Amino acid sequence: MLYVVLFEDNVTLGADVRRRHMAAHLSFLEHNAARIKAAGPLRALSGDPAGGLWMVEADSPDVIDALVKADPFWPSGLRHSVRILSWSQVFADGRRLP
């Protein structure tokens, strides 16, 4: 099953927290590439950081919860909230999917 994971970051923490943990975070994503199919930051229209998004393939939300808590960003306090949503793709490359 596919899931979308939406992260809202703690705006009270400076960019230095993200910078300090970025290398470990990216290594974590690479190590978990079998499950985390895509990941990246989100920005408000103003350009300000707004969190992040993962596309995850997993058997259950519990698997995703464990991934989120294993991410080096989690214990840093950078993540303010996490929302896990199931996702069904119905359109790609200009056409409907069966």
Protein backbone atom coordinates (compact mmCIF):
# COMPACT_ATOMS: atom_id res chain seq x y z
CA MET A 1 0.00 0.00 0.00
CA LEU A 2 1.16 3.53 -0.73
CA TYR A 3 1.16 6.27 1.88
CA VAL A 4 1.89 9.98 1.91
CA VAL A 5 3.63 11.26 5.03
CA LEU A 6 3.32 15.01 5.64
CA PHE A 7 5.69 16.66 8.07
CA GLU A 8 5.28 20.09 9.61
CA ASP A 9 8.51 21.43 11.05
CA ASN A 10 9.03 23.22 14.33
CA VAL A 11 9.43 26.85 13.23
CA THR A 12 11.08 27.82 16.51
CA LEU A 13 14.17 25.81 15.60
CA GLY A 14 16.69 27.48 13.35
CA ALA A 15 18.05 26.27 10.04
CA ASP A 16 21.20 25.19 11.89
CA VAL A 17 19.30 22.22 13.39
CA ARG A 18 18.33 21.02 9.91
CA ARG A 19 21.87 21.59 8.61
CA ARG A 20 23.46 19.64 11.49
CA HIS A 21 21.29 16.58 10.89
CA MET A 22 20.91 16.73 7.09
CA ALA A 23 23.73 14.30 6.20
CA ALA A 24 22.39 11.68 8.64
CA HIS A 25 18.82 12.28 7.41
CA LEU A 26 19.84 11.77 3.76
CA SER A 27 21.78 8.61 4.67
CA PHE A 28 18.67 7.37 6.49
CA LEU A 29 16.55 7.96 3.38
CA GLU A 30 19.08 6.09 1.21
CA HIS A 31 19.19 3.19 3.67
CA ASN A 32 15.36 2.97 3.58
CA ALA A 33 14.91 3.48 -0.17
CA ALA A 34 13.07 0.15 -0.49
CA ARG A 35 10.18 1.71 1.46
CA ILE A 36 10.63 5.49 1.10
CA LYS A 37 10.05 5.94 -2.63
CA ALA A 38 10.31 9.74 -2.71
CA ALA A 39 11.06 12.48 -0.19
CA GLY A 40 11.60 16.20 -0.18
CA PRO A 41 11.03 19.53 1.52
CA LEU A 42 7.87 21.60 1.25
CA ARG A 43 7.86 25.39 1.07
CA ALA A 44 5.15 27.98 1.54
CA LEU A 45 4.45 30.22 -1.46
CA SER A 46 6.56 32.84 0.33
CA GLY A 47 9.53 30.47 0.06
CA ASP A 48 9.66 29.78 3.79
CA PRO A 49 10.26 26.16 4.85
CA ALA A 50 6.96 24.38 5.55
CA GLY A 51 8.00 20.79 6.35
CA GLY A 52 8.42 17.77 4.14
CA LEU A 53 6.73 14.95 2.28
CA TRP A 54 7.50 11.25 1.88
CA MET A 55 5.89 8.71 -0.43
CA VAL A 56 6.15 5.37 1.37
CA GLU A 57 5.30 1.80 0.43
CA ALA A 58 4.41 -0.21 3.53
CA ASP A 59 2.10 -2.89 4.86
CA SER A 60 0.71 -0.71 7.64
CA PRO A 61 0.87 2.75 9.22
CA ASP A 62 2.80 1.18 12.14
CA VAL A 63 5.73 0.52 9.81
CA ILE A 64 5.71 4.17 8.78
CA ASP A 65 5.50 5.36 12.37
CA ALA A 66 8.65 3.34 13.14
CA LEU A 67 10.41 4.87 10.11
CA VAL A 68 9.47 8.40 11.17
CA LYS A 69 10.83 7.84 14.67
CA ALA A 70 14.07 6.31 13.31
CA ASP A 71 14.75 9.37 11.11
CA PRO A 72 17.58 11.50 12.60
CA PHE A 73 15.33 14.57 12.28
CA TRP A 74 12.88 13.09 14.83
CA PRO A 75 14.97 13.27 18.05
CA SER A 76 16.30 16.71 17.02
CA GLY A 77 12.84 18.16 17.64
CA LEU A 78 12.67 19.46 14.06
CA ARG A 79 9.41 17.66 13.34
CA HIS A 80 6.44 19.44 14.90
CA SER A 81 3.77 17.12 13.52
CA VAL A 82 3.42 14.08 11.28
CA ARG A 83 0.37 13.05 9.28
CA ILE A 84 0.15 9.64 7.59
CA LEU A 85 -2.40 9.26 4.78
CA SER A 86 -3.11 6.30 2.50
CA TRP A 87 -2.90 7.13 -1.19
CA SER A 88 -4.40 5.51 -4.28
CA GLN A 89 -2.96 6.69 -7.57
CA VAL A 90 -5.62 6.96 -10.28
CA PHE A 91 -3.86 9.14 -12.86
CA ALA A 92 -0.30 9.19 -14.25
CA ASP A 93 1.51 10.17 -17.42
CA GLY A 94 -1.59 11.81 -18.89
CA ARG A 95 -3.97 8.90 -18.44
CA ARG A 96 -6.19 7.09 -15.99
CA LEU A 97 -4.82 4.04 -14.26
CA PRO A 98 -6.80 0.79 -14.09
